[in-house]
Amino acid sequence: MPHVPARRSPRSRPSAPLTARRPVSLLKAAALAAALVARPAAAQKLPATLVAARADSLMRGGELKRAERLLFALSRREPKNPVARLALGRYLAARGALRVGAVLMEEARFFGGDAREVARELAPVYARLGDHKALDALPETPLSRPERARAHWLRGNAPAATGPDSVVLAFTPQQGAALGVVRLVIGGDTLDAGIDPAVFGLELDSWWLRRKESRVFPQGSLDPRQAVGVTSTVRVGELTLRNVPTRYRKQGSRRTARVGLDVLAGLTPTFDPVAGRLVVRVSAANGLSGRAAQGERVPTLVTPAGVLVAGPDGLWPLASANGRALAGGGWMTVDAARGALIVERRPLERVGQAK
């Protein structure tokens, strides 16, 4: 998937709302939000912008089911309201229903929504879908010229993963921004790559701008602040990734890299830090079986800040102390299509106490 430019530190809790809204009086917003808490039926009479704002507040508090009910009720009440369509589409896409979310956001634009605002929300969704044709043709695109040139090239050269149905990889767990490290091979070089839930795509050191394995946009650029790229072939054990969207940032060494969880999410990865292994599933036909399908589900959202997990005290970056506490510390499977982690255990008493 192409890299999404916006990024926040995975250690910080995002403060921006999940749904854009127009400014309102703080006192008025507080009073109306209180009314929604005390009397849910009050949502039937409130403007769509305020209902969407309340849903954002619920999401930030980790109350995803309540937020979802509110957004669906709003969409049923005002099916052609662009605010309602955009808010619901953005939420569903963040929960993994990418195509449904994209259609709702396209409808928001059709019903008169601000094209630039819609495009900002649609671009990362198209990227995660691998719909480079739609990304290239997006009206009022937020993409830079190099990003759009890359999307145009990827229309005919889509990213792909090949290998056995299931691939077992060596995985070294870490604390900090990355969940752990795997070994990548690009050309003749072996790299230690941290799997970072706050990164999108592949990040390589700027040294790789000069390498033949990198297709750079604009062609010949050596400026990592502007250039984006595609790495032709990345081998991870028996798994081969082709045409991987790439960013170039200082890594400290040409032999270190960062890999976004989105690169592996479509392969339904299972991380086992105790056993020191990572299992990826190239063939979706196999589905999940055994413990990978039987654990407890922890809801997730994908936002510009990366992968967030929902708990009783709010939303937390997956790699943060509280995010890891919600994941339980044992094995963990990423079920991106259903917006969830399937985890071994979930010690809720630790959440909010982690530092």
Protein backbone atom coordinates (compact mmCIF):
# COMPACT_ATOMS: atom_id res chain seq x y z
CA MET A 1 0.00 0.00 0.00
CA PRO A 2 1.24 3.54 -0.64
CA HIS A 3 2.56 5.43 2.30
CA VAL A 4 0.12 7.88 3.90
CA PRO A 5 2.04 11.07 4.70
CA ALA A 6 0.39 11.97 8.01
CA ARG A 7 2.04 10.37 11.02
CA ARG A 8 2.13 10.83 14.75
CA SER A 9 4.33 9.33 17.40
CA PRO A 10 3.00 5.89 18.38
CA ARG A 11 3.54 6.81 22.02
CA SER A 12 1.12 9.71 21.98
CA ARG A 13 -2.62 9.46 22.17
CA PRO A 14 -4.20 11.21 19.18
CA SER A 15 -6.20 14.29 20.00
CA ALA A 16 -7.68 15.05 16.58
CA PRO A 17 -11.26 13.88 16.02
CA LEU A 18 -11.92 10.94 13.77
CA THR A 19 -14.60 12.88 11.92
CA ALA A 20 -14.12 16.43 10.66
CA ARG A 21 -16.73 18.87 11.85
CA ARG A 22 -17.55 22.57 11.83
CA PRO A 23 -16.68 24.62 14.95
CA VAL A 24 -19.50 25.20 17.43
CA SER A 25 -19.76 27.03 20.72
CA LEU A 26 -18.02 25.01 23.43
CA LEU A 27 -20.86 25.58 25.87
CA LYS A 28 -23.45 24.64 23.27
CA ALA A 29 -21.50 21.53 22.22
CA ALA A 30 -21.08 20.44 25.85
CA ALA A 31 -24.78 20.89 26.58
CA LEU A 32 -25.85 18.99 23.48
CA ALA A 33 -23.32 16.21 24.09
CA ALA A 34 -24.67 15.84 27.61
CA ALA A 35 -28.16 15.57 26.19
CA LEU A 36 -27.03 12.76 23.92
CA VAL A 37 -25.63 10.87 26.88
CA ALA A 38 -28.69 11.33 29.03
CA ARG A 39 -31.29 10.90 26.28
CA PRO A 40 -30.07 8.99 23.17
CA ALA A 41 -33.34 9.87 21.45
CA ALA A 42 -32.16 13.48 21.46
CA ALA A 43 -29.86 12.52 18.58
CA GLN A 44 -32.97 12.36 16.42
CA LYS A 45 -33.30 16.16 16.65
CA LEU A 46 -29.67 17.33 16.57
CA PRO A 47 -27.80 18.58 13.49
CA ALA A 48 -25.67 15.95 11.78
CA THR A 49 -22.43 17.81 12.59
CA LEU A 50 -23.13 17.58 16.33
CA VAL A 51 -24.13 13.92 16.19
CA ALA A 52 -20.92 13.14 14.28
CA ALA A 53 -18.94 15.11 16.85
CA ARG A 54 -20.52 13.09 19.65
CA ALA A 55 -19.62 9.88 17.83
CA ASP A 56 -16.02 11.09 17.61
CA SER A 57 -16.01 11.71 21.36
CA LEU A 58 -17.34 8.22 22.04
CA MET A 59 -14.68 6.69 19.78
CA ARG A 60 -11.87 8.55 21.53
CA GLY A 61 -13.24 7.14 24.77
CA GLY A 62 -13.09 3.61 23.36
CA GLU A 63 -16.88 3.24 23.13
CA LEU A 64 -16.96 2.02 19.56
CA LYS A 65 -20.29 0.20 19.71
CA ARG A 66 -22.11 3.29 20.98
CA ALA A 67 -20.43 5.44 18.34
CA GLU A 68 -21.36 2.96 15.63
CA ARG A 69 -25.03 2.89 16.69
CA LEU A 70 -25.11 6.68 16.66
CA LEU A 71 -23.60 6.92 13.17
CA PHE A 72 -25.89 4.28 11.70
CA ALA A 73 -28.92 5.98 13.25
CA LEU A 74 -27.81 9.31 11.80
CA SER A 75 -27.32 7.79 8.35
CA ARG A 76 -30.78 6.20 8.46
CA ARG A 77 -32.31 9.49 9.56
CA GLU A 78 -30.55 11.55 6.87
CA PRO A 79 -29.46 9.12 4.13
CA LYS A 80 -28.42 11.91 1.74
CA ASN A 81 -26.63 14.11 4.27
CA PRO A 82 -22.94 14.31 3.25
CA VAL A 83 -21.82 14.78 6.86
CA ALA A 84 -23.63 11.59 7.89
CA ARG A 85 -22.27 9.61 4.92
CA LEU A 86 -18.70 10.82 5.44
CA ALA A 87 -18.73 10.14 9.18
CA LEU A 88 -20.10 6.61 8.79
CA GLY A 89 -17.81 5.83 5.85
CA ARG A 90 -14.74 7.02 7.71
CA TYR A 91 -15.63 4.95 10.76
CA LEU A 92 -16.31 1.75 8.79
CA ALA A 93 -13.09 2.13 6.80
CA ALA A 94 -11.13 2.60 10.02
CA ARG A 95 -12.69 -0.64 11.30
CA GLY A 96 -11.57 -2.57 8.20
CA ALA A 97 -14.65 -2.35 5.96
CA LEU A 98 -12.65 -0.51 3.33
CA ARG A 99 -14.83 -0.89 0.26
CA VAL A 100 -18.08 -0.10 2.07
CA GLY A 101 -16.44 2.89 3.73
CA ALA A 102 -15.10 4.15 0.40
CA VAL A 103 -18.53 3.91 -1.25
CA LEU A 104 -20.14 5.89 1.59
CA MET A 105 -17.50 8.61 1.30
CA GLU A 106 -17.96 8.75 -2.47
CA GLU A 107 -21.68 9.20 -1.81
CA ALA A 108 -20.86 12.04 0.60
CA ARG A 109 -19.13 13.86 -2.27
CA PHE A 110 -22.04 13.07 -4.64
CA PHE A 111 -24.51 14.51 -2.12
CA GLY A 112 -22.63 17.81 -1.94
CA GLY A 113 -19.85 17.19 0.56
CA ASP A 114 -16.65 19.19 0.35
CA ALA A 115 -14.55 17.40 -2.31
CA ARG A 116 -11.24 18.25 -0.65
CA GLU A 117 -12.36 17.00 2.74
CA VAL A 118 -13.69 13.80 1.20
CA ALA A 119 -10.48 13.31 -0.79
CA ARG A 120 -8.37 13.59 2.37
CA GLU A 121 -10.33 10.72 3.89
CA LEU A 122 -10.57 8.63 0.71
CA ALA A 123 -6.91 8.70 -0.35
CA PRO A 124 -5.56 6.45 2.44
CA VAL A 125 -8.56 4.12 2.05
CA TYR A 126 -7.93 3.69 -1.68
CA ALA A 127 -4.26 3.08 -0.84
CA ARG A 128 -5.11 0.35 1.67
CA LEU A 129 -7.51 -1.21 -0.85
CA GLY A 130 -4.81 -1.22 -3.51
CA ASP A 131 -7.22 0.69 -5.77
CA HIS A 132 -4.55 2.73 -7.51
CA LYS A 133 -6.83 3.60 -10.42
CA ALA A 134 -9.25 5.35 -8.07
CA LEU A 135 -6.36 6.92 -6.16
CA ASP A 136 -4.84 8.30 -9.36
CA ALA A 137 -8.18 9.75 -10.51
CA LEU A 138 -9.31 11.12 -7.13
CA PRO A 139 -10.87 14.61 -7.49
CA GLU A 140 -9.20 17.31 -5.37
CA THR A 141 -6.47 14.83 -4.50
CA PRO A 142 -4.32 15.55 -1.43
CA LEU A 143 -1.41 13.65 -3.03
CA SER A 144 1.79 15.42 -3.99
CA ARG A 145 2.93 15.21 -7.62
CA PRO A 146 5.41 12.40 -6.83
CA GLU A 147 2.72 10.48 -4.93
CA ARG A 148 0.28 10.84 -7.78
CA ALA A 149 2.93 9.76 -10.31
CA ARG A 150 3.53 6.67 -8.21
CA ALA A 151 -0.20 5.92 -8.00
CA HIS A 152 -0.39 6.23 -11.80
CA TRP A 153 2.51 3.78 -12.24
CA LEU A 154 1.03 1.32 -9.73
CA ARG A 155 -2.20 1.17 -11.78
CA GLY A 156 -0.38 -1.20 -14.12
CA ASN A 157 2.10 -2.62 -11.61
CA ALA A 158 0.09 -3.55 -8.55
CA PRO A 159 1.83 -4.71 -5.35
CA ALA A 160 1.65 -8.48 -4.83
CA ALA A 161 2.68 -11.17 -2.36
CA THR A 162 3.72 -14.68 -3.37
CA GLY A 163 4.89 -17.72 -1.48
CA PRO A 164 3.57 -20.86 0.22
CA ASP A 165 0.07 -20.74 1.71
CA SER A 166 1.56 -20.08 5.15
CA VAL A 167 5.03 -18.72 5.86
CA VAL A 168 6.75 -18.89 9.26
CA LEU A 169 9.29 -16.13 9.84
CA ALA A 170 11.81 -15.48 12.61
CA PHE A 171 10.58 -12.58 14.72
CA THR A 172 12.43 -10.73 17.48
CA PRO A 173 9.99 -8.85 19.77
CA GLN A 174 10.86 -5.31 20.84
CA GLN A 175 9.64 -2.61 23.17
CA GLY A 176 9.15 0.91 21.84
CA ALA A 177 7.78 2.02 18.48
CA ALA A 178 8.19 -1.34 16.73
CA LEU A 179 6.42 -4.56 17.68
CA GLY A 180 9.52 -6.48 16.69
CA VAL A 181 12.09 -7.10 13.98
CA VAL A 182 12.16 -9.36 10.91
CA ARG A 183 14.87 -9.83 8.31
CA LEU A 184 14.32 -8.45 4.79
CA VAL A 185 16.41 -9.08 1.70
CA ILE A 186 16.49 -6.41 -1.02
CA GLY A 187 18.84 -7.14 -3.88
CA GLY A 188 21.93 -8.52 -2.22
CA ASP A 189 21.43 -6.71 1.09
CA THR A 190 19.91 -8.07 4.30
CA LEU A 191 18.09 -5.54 6.48
CA ASP A 192 16.69 -5.62 10.01
CA ALA A 193 13.17 -4.19 9.69
CA GLY A 194 11.07 -3.02 12.62
CA ILE A 195 7.33 -3.67 12.21
CA ASP A 196 5.85 -0.31 13.19
CA PRO A 197 2.04 0.10 13.50
CA ALA A 198 2.42 3.89 13.05
CA VAL A 199 4.13 3.54 9.65
CA PHE A 200 2.44 2.97 6.28
CA GLY A 201 4.33 1.10 3.59
CA LEU A 202 8.07 0.47 3.67
CA GLU A 203 10.59 3.01 4.98
CA LEU A 204 14.19 2.76 3.80
CA ASP A 205 17.24 4.90 4.41
CA SER A 206 17.84 7.61 1.81
CA TRP A 207 20.86 5.59 0.63
CA TRP A 208 18.37 3.41 -1.28
CA LEU A 209 17.34 6.31 -3.53
CA ARG A 210 20.37 5.50 -5.68
CA ARG A 211 19.78 1.77 -5.90
CA LYS A 212 18.40 -0.02 -8.95
CA GLU A 213 15.88 -1.85 -6.73
CA SER A 214 14.16 1.51 -6.13
CA ARG A 215 11.87 3.15 -8.67
CA VAL A 216 11.83 6.77 -7.52
CA PHE A 217 9.26 9.50 -8.19
CA PRO A 218 10.19 12.00 -9.52
CA GLN A 219 12.76 10.01 -11.45
CA GLY A 220 16.33 10.68 -10.36
CA SER A 221 15.36 12.60 -7.21
CA LEU A 222 17.75 12.26 -4.27
CA ASP A 223 15.72 14.43 -1.90
CA PRO A 224 14.05 12.17 0.69
CA ARG A 225 11.76 15.02 1.76
CA GLN A 226 9.99 14.97 -1.60
CA ALA A 227 10.74 11.65 -3.26
CA VAL A 228 8.57 8.57 -2.92
CA GLY A 229 9.26 5.22 -4.43
CA VAL A 230 8.45 1.60 -5.10
CA THR A 231 10.81 -1.21 -4.10
CA SER A 232 10.71 -3.83 -6.86
CA THR A 233 11.25 -6.98 -4.77
CA VAL A 234 11.45 -7.61 -1.03
CA ARG A 235 12.06 -11.13 0.25
CA VAL A 236 11.11 -12.11 3.78
CA GLY A 237 11.95 -15.78 4.24
CA GLU A 238 9.85 -17.68 1.70
CA LEU A 239 7.55 -14.67 1.24
CA THR A 240 8.17 -12.38 -1.73
CA LEU A 241 6.66 -8.89 -1.89
CA ARG A 242 6.69 -7.05 -5.20
CA ASN A 243 6.26 -3.36 -5.97
CA VAL A 244 6.18 -2.24 -2.34
CA PRO A 245 5.32 1.47 -1.86
CA THR A 246 8.30 3.08 -0.15
CA ARG A 247 9.32 6.23 1.69
CA TYR A 248 12.89 7.31 2.33
CA ARG A 249 13.91 8.55 5.78
CA LYS A 250 17.11 8.52 7.76
CA GLN A 251 17.30 5.12 9.47
CA GLY A 252 20.77 5.27 10.96
CA SER A 253 21.99 2.59 8.56
CA ARG A 254 21.22 1.38 5.06
CA ARG A 255 20.67 -2.06 6.63
CA THR A 256 17.78 -1.01 8.86
CA ALA A 257 14.21 -0.30 7.80
CA ARG A 258 10.66 0.17 9.06
CA VAL A 259 7.69 -1.81 7.77
CA GLY A 260 4.14 -0.65 8.31
CA LEU A 261 1.68 -3.13 9.70
CA ASP A 262 -0.44 -2.39 6.60
CA VAL A 263 2.14 -4.20 4.43
CA LEU A 264 1.41 -7.43 6.30
CA ALA A 265 -2.21 -6.83 7.33
CA GLY A 266 -3.64 -8.41 4.18
CA LEU A 267 -1.71 -11.58 5.05
CA THR A 268 -3.50 -11.99 8.42
CA PRO A 269 -0.25 -12.13 10.41
CA THR A 270 0.08 -13.89 13.76
CA PHE A 271 2.80 -12.56 16.06
CA ASP A 272 4.13 -14.92 18.71
CA PRO A 273 6.73 -13.07 20.80
CA VAL A 274 7.25 -16.02 23.16
CA ALA A 275 8.06 -18.47 20.36
CA GLY A 276 9.90 -15.77 18.40
CA ARG A 277 7.98 -16.27 15.21
CA LEU A 278 5.62 -14.53 12.83
CA VAL A 279 3.18 -16.46 10.64
CA VAL A 280 1.76 -14.87 7.49
CA ARG A 281 -0.93 -16.38 5.28
CA VAL A 282 -0.43 -15.81 1.57
CA SER A 283 -3.55 -17.77 0.63
CA ALA A 284 -6.74 -16.28 2.06
CA ALA A 285 -8.60 -19.47 1.13
CA ASN A 286 -7.17 -21.23 4.17
CA GLY A 287 -8.72 -18.78 6.61
CA LEU A 288 -7.90 -18.84 10.31
CA SER A 289 -7.86 -22.03 12.30
CA GLY A 290 -6.83 -23.28 15.72
CA ARG A 291 -5.90 -20.74 18.36
CA ALA A 292 -5.56 -17.95 15.76
CA ALA A 293 -9.35 -18.09 15.35
CA GLN A 294 -10.30 -18.79 18.97
CA GLY A 295 -8.75 -15.98 20.97
CA GLU A 296 -10.42 -12.91 22.36
CA ARG A 297 -11.14 -10.02 19.99
CA VAL A 298 -9.89 -6.51 20.74
CA PRO A 299 -11.34 -3.79 18.45
CA THR A 300 -8.96 -1.72 16.34
CA LEU A 301 -9.12 1.38 14.18
CA VAL A 302 -6.68 2.46 11.48
CA THR A 303 -6.18 6.23 11.47
CA PRO A 304 -3.45 8.59 10.20
CA ALA A 305 -1.75 7.89 13.55
CA GLY A 306 -1.55 4.21 12.66
CA VAL A 307 -3.24 1.22 14.27
CA LEU A 308 -5.11 2.06 17.48
CA VAL A 309 -6.67 -0.42 19.90
CA ALA A 310 -9.83 0.32 21.87
CA GLY A 311 -10.04 -0.28 25.59
CA PRO A 312 -12.23 0.89 28.47
CA ASP A 313 -10.05 4.00 28.91
CA GLY A 314 -9.87 5.08 25.29
CA LEU A 315 -7.91 4.51 22.10
CA TRP A 316 -4.22 3.65 22.31
CA PRO A 317 -1.48 3.20 19.70
CA LEU A 318 -0.83 -0.52 19.38
CA ALA A 319 2.88 -0.21 20.18
CA SER A 320 2.31 1.98 23.25
CA ALA A 321 2.44 0.53 26.76
CA ASN A 322 -1.35 0.60 27.08
CA GLY A 323 -1.83 -0.77 23.57
CA ARG A 324 0.46 -3.69 24.34
CA ALA A 325 -1.39 -4.27 27.62
CA LEU A 326 -4.66 -4.56 25.72
CA ALA A 327 -3.02 -7.04 23.36
CA GLY A 328 -2.06 -9.11 26.40
CA GLY A 329 1.59 -9.87 25.73
CA GLY A 330 1.00 -13.32 24.20
CA TRP A 331 0.33 -14.31 20.61
CA MET A 332 -1.72 -11.91 18.52
CA THR A 333 -3.39 -12.21 15.10
CA VAL A 334 -4.28 -9.12 13.07
CA ASP A 335 -7.73 -9.54 11.50
CA ALA A 336 -7.66 -6.32 9.50
CA ALA A 337 -10.83 -7.01 7.51
CA ARG A 338 -12.87 -7.17 10.72
CA GLY A 339 -11.08 -4.41 12.58
CA ALA A 340 -9.77 -6.56 15.41
CA LEU A 341 -6.83 -8.20 17.06
CA ILE A 342 -7.37 -11.81 18.09
CA VAL A 343 -5.35 -12.15 21.28
CA GLU A 344 -4.42 -14.82 23.76
CA ARG A 345 -5.58 -12.86 26.78
CA ARG A 346 -6.62 -9.36 27.72
CA PRO A 347 -5.54 -8.21 31.22
CA LEU A 348 -7.68 -5.07 31.42
CA GLU A 349 -6.50 -4.26 34.91
CA ARG A 350 -3.13 -3.26 33.47
CA VAL A 351 -4.56 -0.69 31.08
CA GLY A 352 -4.19 2.86 32.36
CA GLN A 353 -1.44 1.77 34.76
CA ALA A 354 1.19 1.19 32.10
CA LYS A 355 3.80 3.88 31.76
